[in-house]
Protein backbone atom coordinates (compact mmCIF):
# COMPACT_ATOMS: atom_id res chain seq x y z
CA MET A 1 73.15 63.81 11.75
CA ARG A 2 73.86 65.49 14.58
CA LYS A 3 77.46 64.68 16.41
CA ARG A 4 78.65 64.27 20.28
CA PHE A 5 80.82 67.26 19.71
CA GLU A 6 83.55 68.09 16.96
CA GLN A 7 86.16 65.32 17.01
CA GLN A 8 89.09 67.27 14.97
CA LEU A 9 89.85 70.28 16.08
CA GLY A 10 90.11 73.05 13.76
CA LEU A 11 92.50 75.74 12.83
CA GLY A 12 92.61 77.90 15.61
CA GLN A 13 90.10 76.04 17.26
CA LEU A 14 90.92 75.77 21.21
CA PRO A 15 90.52 72.74 23.04
CA ILE A 16 87.56 72.47 25.63
CA GLU A 17 89.92 70.31 28.18
CA ALA A 18 92.12 73.68 27.88
CA THR A 19 88.99 76.30 29.42
CA TYR A 20 90.49 78.34 32.00
CA ILE A 21 88.25 78.79 35.41
CA ASP A 22 89.50 81.01 38.25
CA PRO A 23 89.43 79.04 41.27
CA LYS A 24 88.71 82.18 43.33
CA SER A 25 85.62 83.10 41.22
CA LYS A 26 82.24 82.95 43.10
CA ASN A 27 80.23 83.52 40.03
CA ALA A 28 77.17 81.38 38.96
CA LEU A 29 78.43 80.79 35.87
CA ASP A 30 81.79 79.74 36.77
CA GLN A 31 80.68 77.19 39.22
CA LEU A 32 78.41 75.77 36.16
CA LEU A 33 81.19 75.38 33.96
CA ALA A 34 83.62 73.94 36.24
CA ALA A 35 81.23 71.51 36.43
CA LEU A 36 80.54 70.84 33.25
CA LYS A 37 84.35 70.96 32.45
CA ALA A 38 84.96 68.09 35.04
CA ILE A 39 81.93 65.99 33.50
CA TYR A 40 83.41 66.26 29.97
CA CYS A 41 86.78 65.44 30.95
CA ASN A 42 86.05 62.48 32.55
CA LYS A 43 85.67 59.57 30.22
CA LYS A 44 83.25 57.16 32.10
CA TYR A 45 80.72 60.16 32.97
CA ASN A 46 81.01 61.77 29.53
CA GLU A 47 80.07 58.66 27.59
CA GLU A 48 76.94 58.14 29.97
CA ILE A 49 75.81 61.63 29.10
CA PHE A 50 76.15 61.43 25.47
CA ARG A 51 74.44 58.43 25.16
CA ILE A 52 71.59 59.60 27.22
CA LEU A 53 71.71 62.75 24.45
CA GLU A 54 71.67 60.30 21.22
CA ASP A 55 69.01 58.16 22.46
CA HIS A 56 67.01 60.99 22.85
CA ILE A 57 67.54 63.76 20.40
CA ASN A 58 69.10 61.14 17.20
CA SER A 59 66.61 57.94 17.86
CA GLY A 60 64.90 57.79 14.69
CA LYS A 61 66.94 59.74 12.52
CA LYS A 62 69.36 58.46 9.56
CA ASN A 63 73.20 59.21 9.58
CA THR A 64 73.11 61.59 7.04
CA GLY A 65 72.41 65.22 6.15
CA ARG A 66 73.45 68.19 7.95
CA THR A 67 75.09 67.51 11.55
CA GLY A 68 73.16 70.79 12.98
CA MET A 69 74.01 72.19 16.58
CA ASP A 70 76.59 69.18 18.35
CA LEU A 71 74.60 67.46 21.42
CA TRP A 72 77.44 69.08 23.61
CA SER A 73 76.51 72.82 22.83
CA ILE A 74 72.76 71.69 23.23
CA PHE A 75 73.47 70.12 26.69
CA VAL A 76 75.94 73.42 27.43
CA LEU A 77 73.24 76.09 26.64
CA ALA A 78 70.17 74.43 28.31
CA GLN A 79 72.04 74.11 31.62
CA VAL A 80 73.38 78.13 31.22
CA ARG A 81 69.90 79.02 31.14
CA LEU A 82 68.52 77.32 33.72
CA CYS A 83 71.61 78.43 36.11
CA LEU A 84 71.60 81.84 35.68
CA ASN A 85 67.65 82.14 35.12
CA LEU A 86 68.06 83.80 31.44
CA SER A 87 65.64 84.63 28.55
CA TYR A 88 66.92 83.10 24.99
CA ASP A 89 67.81 86.57 24.12
CA VAL A 90 70.57 86.73 26.86
CA LEU A 91 71.28 83.45 26.25
CA HIS A 92 72.10 83.85 22.68
CA ASP A 93 74.48 86.95 23.44
CA LEU A 94 76.32 84.69 25.76
CA ALA A 95 76.67 82.14 23.16
CA ASN A 96 78.48 84.61 20.77
CA ASN A 97 80.42 86.46 23.10
CA HIS A 98 81.18 84.77 25.80
CA HIS A 99 84.63 83.38 25.78
CA ASN A 100 85.01 80.81 28.79
CA MET A 101 81.39 79.60 27.97
CA ARG A 102 82.31 79.34 23.76
CA CYS A 103 85.60 77.54 25.33
CA LEU A 104 83.20 74.62 26.81
CA MET A 105 81.49 74.36 24.09
CA GLY A 106 84.23 74.00 22.37
CA VAL A 107 83.54 76.83 19.45
CA GLU A 108 86.09 79.53 20.39
CA LYS A 109 89.27 80.18 18.13
CA GLY A 110 92.14 81.93 18.32
CA PHE A 111 92.54 85.59 17.14
CA GLY A 112 92.32 86.12 13.27
CA TYR A 113 90.11 82.89 12.43
CA GLU A 114 86.72 82.76 11.43
CA ARG A 115 84.31 82.63 14.47
CA ILE A 116 81.46 80.57 14.82
CA GLU A 117 78.13 82.29 15.52
CA PHE A 118 74.55 81.11 16.68
CA GLU A 119 71.38 82.93 15.25
CA TYR A 120 68.81 82.74 18.16
CA GLN A 121 66.29 80.06 16.42
CA ASN A 122 68.77 77.79 16.23
CA ILE A 123 69.45 77.93 19.83
CA TYR A 124 65.82 78.25 20.69
CA ASP A 125 64.85 74.99 18.24
CA ASN A 126 67.49 73.17 19.80
CA VAL A 127 67.39 73.25 23.46
CA THR A 128 63.59 72.53 23.10
CA LEU A 129 64.30 69.28 21.68
CA LEU A 130 65.30 68.07 25.20
CA SER A 131 62.14 66.46 27.43
CA ASP A 132 61.89 66.06 30.79
CA GLU A 133 62.62 62.44 30.65
CA MET A 134 65.81 62.26 29.04
CA VAL A 135 66.39 65.55 31.64
CA TRP A 136 65.38 63.00 34.70
CA LYS A 137 68.21 60.46 33.52
CA LEU A 138 70.75 63.31 32.73
CA ASN A 139 70.41 64.27 36.66
CA GLN A 140 70.95 60.67 37.84
CA VAL A 141 74.45 60.69 35.99
CA ILE A 142 75.17 64.22 37.44
CA LEU A 143 74.22 62.90 40.63
CA ASN A 144 76.57 59.94 40.17
CA PHE A 145 79.43 62.04 39.22
CA GLY A 146 78.88 64.46 42.54
CA HIS A 147 79.14 61.77 44.64
CA GLY A 148 81.41 59.85 43.92
CA GLU A 149 83.99 62.18 41.69
CA VAL A 150 83.44 65.45 43.96
CA PHE A 151 82.06 64.62 47.48
CA LYS A 152 84.17 61.56 47.52
CA LYS A 153 80.60 59.26 48.97
CA LYS A 154 81.65 55.69 50.02
CA GLU A 155 79.17 53.19 48.35
CA HIS A 156 78.20 52.27 52.01
CA THR A 157 77.45 55.66 53.07
CA ALA A 158 73.75 56.41 54.00
CA LEU A 159 72.33 59.41 52.87
CA ARG A 160 70.54 62.15 55.21
CA LEU A 161 67.38 63.50 53.40
CA LYS A 162 65.44 66.39 54.00
CA SER A 163 62.06 66.93 51.54
CA ASP A 164 59.83 69.67 50.96
CA SER A 165 57.73 70.98 48.95
CA PHE A 166 57.00 74.66 46.86
CA VAL A 167 55.48 76.15 44.57
CA VAL A 168 56.77 76.72 40.81
CA GLU A 169 54.57 79.36 39.23
CA SER A 170 53.23 79.43 35.58
CA ASN A 171 53.43 82.20 33.56
CA VAL A 172 49.67 83.37 34.00
CA HIS A 173 48.04 86.63 34.97
CA PHE A 174 45.38 86.47 38.06
CA PRO A 175 42.45 84.88 36.82
CA THR A 176 38.87 86.26 37.08
CA ASP A 177 35.78 84.49 34.99
CA TYR A 178 35.11 87.44 33.17
CA ASN A 179 39.06 88.11 32.46
CA LEU A 180 38.97 84.83 31.05
CA LEU A 181 36.04 84.65 28.77
CA TRP A 182 38.21 88.14 27.71
CA ASP A 183 40.83 85.82 26.85
CA CYS A 184 38.65 83.43 24.72
CA THR A 185 37.26 86.33 22.90
CA ARG A 186 40.14 87.90 21.95
CA LYS A 187 41.94 84.33 20.84
CA CYS A 188 38.82 83.52 18.79
CA ILE A 189 39.03 86.95 16.78
CA GLY A 190 42.87 86.97 16.57
CA THR A 191 42.59 83.56 14.89
CA VAL A 192 39.03 84.69 12.69
CA SER A 193 42.08 87.56 11.70
CA ARG A 194 44.78 85.37 10.69
CA LEU A 195 42.26 83.69 8.13
CA LEU A 196 41.21 86.43 6.82
CA ASN A 197 44.93 87.60 6.33
CA LYS A 198 45.29 84.48 4.34
CA HIS A 199 42.10 84.64 2.58
CA LYS A 200 41.12 87.30 1.58
CA ASN A 201 37.72 86.32 -0.31
CA ILE A 202 36.01 85.54 3.35
CA GLU A 203 33.09 88.07 3.94
CA GLY A 204 31.24 89.23 6.93
CA TRP A 205 33.94 90.31 8.93
CA ARG A 206 34.43 93.97 8.02
CA LYS A 207 34.08 95.77 11.54
CA ILE A 208 36.34 92.78 13.28
CA GLY A 209 38.13 95.08 14.79
CA ASN A 210 35.17 96.64 16.42
CA TRP A 211 34.28 93.63 17.86
CA ASN A 212 37.85 93.15 19.62
CA THR A 213 37.43 97.31 20.70
CA GLU A 214 33.63 96.68 22.41
CA MET A 215 34.74 93.48 24.02
CA LYS A 216 37.76 94.47 25.81
CA SER A 217 35.78 97.74 26.63
CA LEU A 218 32.82 95.93 28.15
CA MET A 219 35.33 93.72 30.05
CA ARG A 220 36.78 96.94 31.87
CA ASN A 221 33.77 98.04 32.68
CA LEU A 222 32.60 95.14 34.75
CA GLY A 223 36.29 95.27 35.96
CA GLN A 224 35.84 98.90 37.11
CA ALA A 225 32.16 98.21 38.37
CA ASN A 226 33.87 95.13 40.81
CA ARG A 227 35.97 97.31 42.06
CA SER A 228 33.74 100.06 42.72
CA GLY A 229 32.13 100.77 45.69
CA GLY A 230 29.02 103.35 46.29
CA LYS A 231 25.56 102.70 46.22
CA ASN A 232 23.64 100.34 43.87
CA LYS A 233 27.01 98.53 43.27
CA LYS A 234 25.49 95.03 42.60
CA GLU A 235 23.26 96.79 40.25
CA LYS A 236 25.85 98.01 38.38
CA VAL A 237 27.64 94.95 38.51
CA VAL A 238 24.77 93.05 36.70
CA SER A 239 24.07 95.56 34.27
CA CYS A 240 27.41 95.45 33.25
CA ALA A 241 27.97 91.71 33.71
CA GLU A 242 24.35 91.38 31.31
CA LYS A 243 26.09 94.08 28.31
CA TYR A 244 29.44 91.75 28.32
CA LEU A 245 27.78 88.17 28.48
CA ASN A 246 25.06 89.57 25.40
CA LYS A 247 28.14 90.78 23.66
CA ALA A 248 30.09 87.32 23.86
CA ARG A 249 26.96 85.59 23.21
CA LEU A 250 26.47 87.36 19.66
CA LEU A 251 29.90 87.02 19.00
CA LEU A 252 30.07 82.96 19.74
CA ARG A 253 26.60 82.82 17.74
CA LYS A 254 28.25 84.06 14.92
CA LEU A 255 31.22 81.82 14.94
CA ASN A 256 29.39 79.36 14.90
CA GLU A 257 27.32 79.97 11.99
CA GLU A 258 30.33 81.42 10.08
CA LYS A 259 32.96 78.63 10.95
CA PRO A 260 31.44 76.14 7.93
CA THR A 261 32.27 78.66 5.35
CA PHE A 262 35.48 79.28 6.37
CA PRO A 263 37.98 77.61 3.33
CA ILE A 264 40.71 74.66 4.60
CA THR A 265 43.14 74.76 1.80
CA ASP A 266 46.40 73.35 3.99
CA MET A 267 47.41 72.24 6.90
CA GLY A 268 47.73 75.40 8.78
CA ASP A 269 44.21 76.22 7.94
CA LEU A 270 43.20 73.26 9.71
CA ALA A 271 45.30 74.11 12.33
CA LEU A 272 43.60 77.18 12.99
CA ILE A 273 40.40 75.79 12.14
CA ILE A 274 40.78 73.47 15.49
CA THR A 275 42.65 76.59 17.05
CA LEU A 276 39.35 78.12 16.57
CA GLU A 277 36.95 75.54 18.04
CA HIS A 278 39.18 75.45 21.43
CA PHE A 279 38.53 78.62 21.88
CA MET A 280 35.27 78.66 21.28
CA LYS A 281 34.17 75.67 23.31
CA LEU A 282 36.15 77.39 26.43
CA LEU A 283 34.34 80.76 25.20
CA GLU A 284 30.73 79.17 25.52
CA LYS A 285 31.85 77.76 29.38
CA HIS A 286 33.09 81.02 30.63
CA ILE A 287 29.97 82.60 29.46
CA ASP A 288 28.16 80.11 31.44
CA LEU A 289 30.69 80.88 34.10
CA VAL A 290 30.02 84.55 34.48
CA ASP A 291 25.79 83.74 34.09
CA ARG A 292 25.99 81.72 36.95
CA ARG A 293 28.20 83.28 39.32
CA ILE A 294 26.85 87.09 38.83
CA LEU A 295 23.68 87.24 37.31
CA LYS A 296 22.06 83.94 39.02
CA GLY A 297 23.89 84.35 42.26
CA GLU A 298 25.38 80.74 41.90
CA ILE A 299 28.83 79.57 43.87
CA ILE A 300 31.15 77.82 41.38
CA PRO A 301 32.55 74.78 42.61
CA HIS A 302 36.50 75.10 42.22
CA GLU A 303 36.64 72.20 40.37
CA GLU A 304 34.76 73.75 37.41
CA LYS A 305 36.71 76.95 37.52
CA MET A 306 39.84 77.33 35.08
CA PHE A 307 42.72 79.26 35.85
CA SER A 308 44.19 80.25 32.59
CA VAL A 309 42.99 78.92 29.01
CA PHE A 310 46.75 78.80 28.06
CA GLU A 311 48.65 77.32 31.13
CA THR A 312 45.36 74.82 31.78
CA TYR A 313 47.04 72.57 34.02
CA THR A 314 47.28 76.08 36.48
CA GLU A 315 46.52 75.04 40.30
CA TRP A 316 45.63 77.64 42.49
CA ILE A 317 47.50 77.06 45.03
CA THR A 318 46.92 78.36 48.69
CA LYS A 319 49.15 77.17 51.53
CA GLY A 320 48.26 79.79 54.66
CA LYS A 321 51.37 82.21 53.88
CA MET A 322 50.84 86.01 54.74
CA ASN A 323 52.47 86.46 51.42
CA PRO A 324 51.64 85.48 48.71
CA SER A 325 48.77 84.23 50.22
CA VAL A 326 47.65 82.55 46.82
CA GLU A 327 50.60 80.92 44.24
CA LEU A 328 49.25 79.73 40.70
CA GLY A 329 51.17 77.16 39.06
CA LYS A 330 52.40 73.77 40.46
CA LYS A 331 53.83 72.23 43.86
CA LEU A 332 57.55 70.70 43.03
CA ASN A 333 58.72 68.19 45.75
CA ILE A 334 62.25 67.98 46.57
CA THR A 335 64.72 65.88 48.53
CA THR A 336 68.16 66.96 48.59
CA ASP A 337 70.93 65.13 50.64
CA GLN A 338 74.07 65.91 53.59
CA TRP A 339 75.54 67.97 50.69
CA GLY A 340 72.67 69.60 49.38
CA LEU A 341 72.42 67.77 46.13
CA ILE A 342 68.79 67.18 44.73
CA VAL A 343 68.42 63.26 44.80
CA ASP A 344 64.55 63.34 43.82
CA TYR A 345 62.40 65.72 42.84
CA GLN A 346 58.34 65.61 42.00
CA ILE A 347 55.53 67.55 40.22
CA MET A 348 52.61 67.29 42.59
CA ASP A 349 49.17 66.72 40.07
CA GLY A 350 46.18 67.95 42.99
CA GLN A 351 48.14 65.80 45.61
CA GLN A 352 49.14 66.80 49.07
CA ASP A 353 52.37 66.85 50.90
CA ARG A 354 51.20 63.45 52.40
CA ASP A 355 50.02 62.11 49.27
CA ILE A 356 53.29 61.66 47.47
CA VAL A 357 55.62 60.12 50.61
CA VAL A 358 55.11 56.06 49.34
CA GLU A 359 55.55 57.25 45.45
CA MET A 360 58.73 58.92 46.78
CA ALA A 361 59.97 56.61 49.03
CA ASP A 362 59.89 53.54 46.42
CA ARG A 363 62.10 55.18 43.93
CA ILE A 364 64.69 56.94 46.35
CA LEU A 365 64.94 53.13 48.24
CA ALA A 366 65.42 51.67 45.41
CA GLU A 367 68.41 53.48 44.43
CA TYR A 368 70.32 54.77 47.70
CA LYS A 369 70.71 53.71 51.29
CA VAL A 370 69.12 55.73 54.07
CA ALA A 371 70.26 56.61 57.44
CA SER A 372 67.78 59.75 58.09
CA TRP A 373 64.64 61.04 56.71
CA SER A 374 63.08 64.46 57.70
CA PHE A 375 59.65 66.04 56.61
CA ASP A 376 57.40 68.91 57.92
CA LYS A 377 54.34 68.48 59.43
CA GLY A 378 52.07 68.54 56.23
CA TYR A 379 53.62 64.93 54.90
CA TRP A 380 52.44 63.55 58.63
CA LEU A 381 50.44 60.21 58.00
CA LYS A 382 50.94 57.55 61.18
CA GLU A 383 50.60 54.85 57.97
CA THR A 384 53.32 56.52 56.22
CA LYS A 385 55.59 56.62 58.85
CA GLU A 386 55.25 53.62 59.51
CA ILE A 387 56.28 52.08 56.52
CA LEU A 388 59.31 54.52 55.94
CA GLN A 389 60.40 53.22 59.45
CA LEU A 390 60.64 49.79 58.18
CA GLU A 391 63.48 51.13 55.76
CA VAL A 392 64.73 54.13 57.59
CA ALA A 393 66.53 54.41 60.85
CA GLN A 394 65.53 57.60 61.64
CA VAL A 395 62.19 59.53 60.24
CA ILE A 396 61.71 62.89 61.13
CA ILE A 397 58.11 63.93 60.81
CA PRO A 398 56.38 65.94 63.53
CA LYS A 399 52.80 64.88 64.44
CA LEU A 400 50.14 66.95 62.79
CA GLY A 401 47.55 67.51 65.73
CA LYS A 402 47.84 66.72 69.18
CA ARG A 403 50.48 63.62 70.72
CA ASN A 404 50.24 61.27 72.96
CA LYS A 405 52.85 60.19 75.36
CA LYS A 406 54.53 58.16 73.63
CA GLU A 407 55.16 60.50 70.65
CA GLU A 408 55.66 63.50 72.97
CA GLU A 409 58.68 61.81 74.62
CA GLU A 410 60.06 61.11 70.67
CA GLU A 411 59.93 64.60 69.38
CA HIS A 412 61.51 65.85 72.32
CA SER A 413 64.57 63.42 72.47
CA ARG A 414 67.60 64.37 72.09
CA SER A 415 68.29 62.97 68.20
CA PHE A 416 64.75 63.97 66.95
CA LYS A 417 65.18 68.12 68.00
CA LYS A 418 68.74 67.76 66.38
CA LEU A 419 67.27 66.62 62.87
CA LYS A 420 64.34 68.30 63.41
CA ASN A 421 66.12 71.76 63.33
CA LYS A 422 68.52 70.40 60.62
CA HIS A 423 65.61 70.03 58.39
CA SER A 424 65.29 74.44 57.68
CA ALA A 425 68.72 74.02 55.69
CA ILE A 426 65.96 72.52 52.87
CA GLU A 427 64.26 76.21 52.79
CA SER A 428 67.70 77.37 51.95
CA ASN A 429 68.27 74.86 49.09
CA ILE A 430 64.73 75.94 47.52
CA ASN A 431 65.77 79.56 47.65
CA GLU A 432 68.67 79.12 45.52
CA LEU A 433 66.70 76.84 43.03
CA GLU A 434 64.31 79.77 42.16
CA HIS A 435 67.14 81.70 41.83
CA ARG A 436 68.31 78.71 39.01
CA GLY A 437 64.88 79.77 37.44
CA LEU A 438 62.73 78.05 39.45
CA ASP A 439 60.26 81.08 40.97
CA ARG A 440 58.14 81.25 37.74
CA CYS A 441 58.27 79.02 34.51
CA PRO A 442 58.34 81.01 31.31
CA ASP A 443 57.86 78.63 29.13
CA ARG A 444 54.80 77.29 27.67
CA SER A 445 52.76 73.99 27.98
CA TYR A 446 52.62 71.58 30.46
CA ALA A 447 55.71 69.30 28.47
CA HIS A 448 57.84 72.44 28.63
CA PHE A 449 56.99 73.25 32.23
CA LYS A 450 58.17 69.47 32.71
CA ARG A 451 61.29 69.62 31.24
CA TYR A 452 62.04 73.27 33.07
CA ILE A 453 61.74 72.11 36.28
CA GLY A 454 64.40 69.17 35.08
CA LEU A 455 66.56 71.60 33.68
CA GLY A 456 66.25 73.88 36.67
CA VAL A 457 67.27 70.92 39.21
CA CYS A 458 70.27 69.70 36.96
CA ALA A 459 71.35 72.81 37.15
CA TYR A 460 71.26 73.53 40.79
CA ASN A 461 72.88 70.04 41.48
CA LEU A 462 75.61 70.99 38.74
CA LYS A 463 76.28 74.48 40.23
CA LYS A 464 76.75 72.86 43.77
CA ILE A 465 79.17 70.13 42.22
CA GLY A 466 80.89 73.01 40.38
CA LYS A 467 81.63 75.06 43.83
CA GLN A 468 82.77 72.23 45.45
CA ILE A 469 85.29 71.67 42.46
CA LEU A 470 86.57 75.55 42.16
CA LYS A 471 87.14 75.00 46.19
CA MET A 472 89.21 72.08 45.94
CA GLU A 473 91.01 73.57 43.83
CA ARG A 474 91.54 77.23 45.47
CA GLU A 475 92.48 74.91 48.66
CA ALA A 476 94.92 73.49 46.92
CA LEU A 477 96.45 76.15 45.68
CA GLU A 478 96.55 78.07 48.66
CA ALA A 479 98.30 74.66 49.78
CA VAL A 480 101.31 75.75 47.49
CA PRO A 481 103.92 78.65 48.99
CA LYS A 482 103.20 81.85 47.49
CA GLN A 483 106.74 82.09 45.45
CA PHE A 484 105.64 78.86 43.61
CA ARG A 485 102.31 79.55 43.01
CA LYS A 486 102.81 80.99 39.24
CA ALA A 487 105.00 77.91 38.06
CA ALA A 488 102.19 75.74 39.64
């Protein structure tokens, strides 16, 4: 059963409360650690954090057996990874060698005592236990701590909000129908190879390596023909596509004939067969797409296209910008307050900005009192603005299109222009979020994508809170006369 943290200090173990963080530091890691330390030392919020972690990670497990990594260490490691936008390899190195981080995790010991060290797989397995639902709840606790204990928000103080969206990219290559067809073929061939390695008695696949080489060569030939110019380009492309498709169809036919003969002796074999069937369906789909587009000259409808055979949730997003003109991933909407904290975030599933305003307002207005709320033109809908104005005193949404006289007067009023000019501050929040790891998600699957975004938002909020904590400590230190500072 996992513990919250080690209640009783071992020999040489340094207490978490004694972790020293230099108030003059402007390092992102020190700012994060300052916020984590403050939450740990606050009994109320400490209890809330551990209750959420226990409810989700320990749920349904017996109170016996090996303890595993404690919950506090899992929480710290997950936040450090996103705050610094680290790979698991670098996180592993920091977990074993960064003194302040180990002190805050409660695993650092004095000189001469046996060190506690973490294995790479141990860190990966434990950090991935977190879910997006749990991270959302953790972020609410972090927000309450920041508002109440650090920025000293009064209970009756209304928030001044800003909302905007940006794209968090998936970890995918640029998609074309013929390179996605190659992805399908190599995964089919790779899955069969794993079955061959496990069951030496499978026949008929002596030249499996040749299948892989020929398919890759034909895919490259088609790509080269598409990129090059010259006379008879269209005929060259069609010729290369025909050879590529003929080979792909031969592979698909062979897979359909041989699949019933593959042995299923355990759950591992069953998993491989299910994987093979999945990629065979995608192989058939992309054979059809390449055939229709290149050989038959059809325009493929957008809804039929796929942009990754691995991260199937990926969307093709065009936002009308010069660079990048196209982004592959999911749009993320964030709402920040006057202190720069993110009070709400939402992954947009094929939605435009204007589609989510009412849903977002329902969540936020149920929790907070809002004095003003600003958006850009992409959120404009007359009905939406009228609904928001029932609850929010000042709603700033510049109209998309021609304005009538009343709208012209409103948008040229002093208060409207002042809040509209302040709205651009959210761009710096988005830029910082991208530095917290939300430029491109390296994690696989949609569930991990959602968790990654939630952890990025939590790390961003913690860093903002930690920065304010260190600023207050620095100001308190500067208020002490120089001759007494060392003693203080």
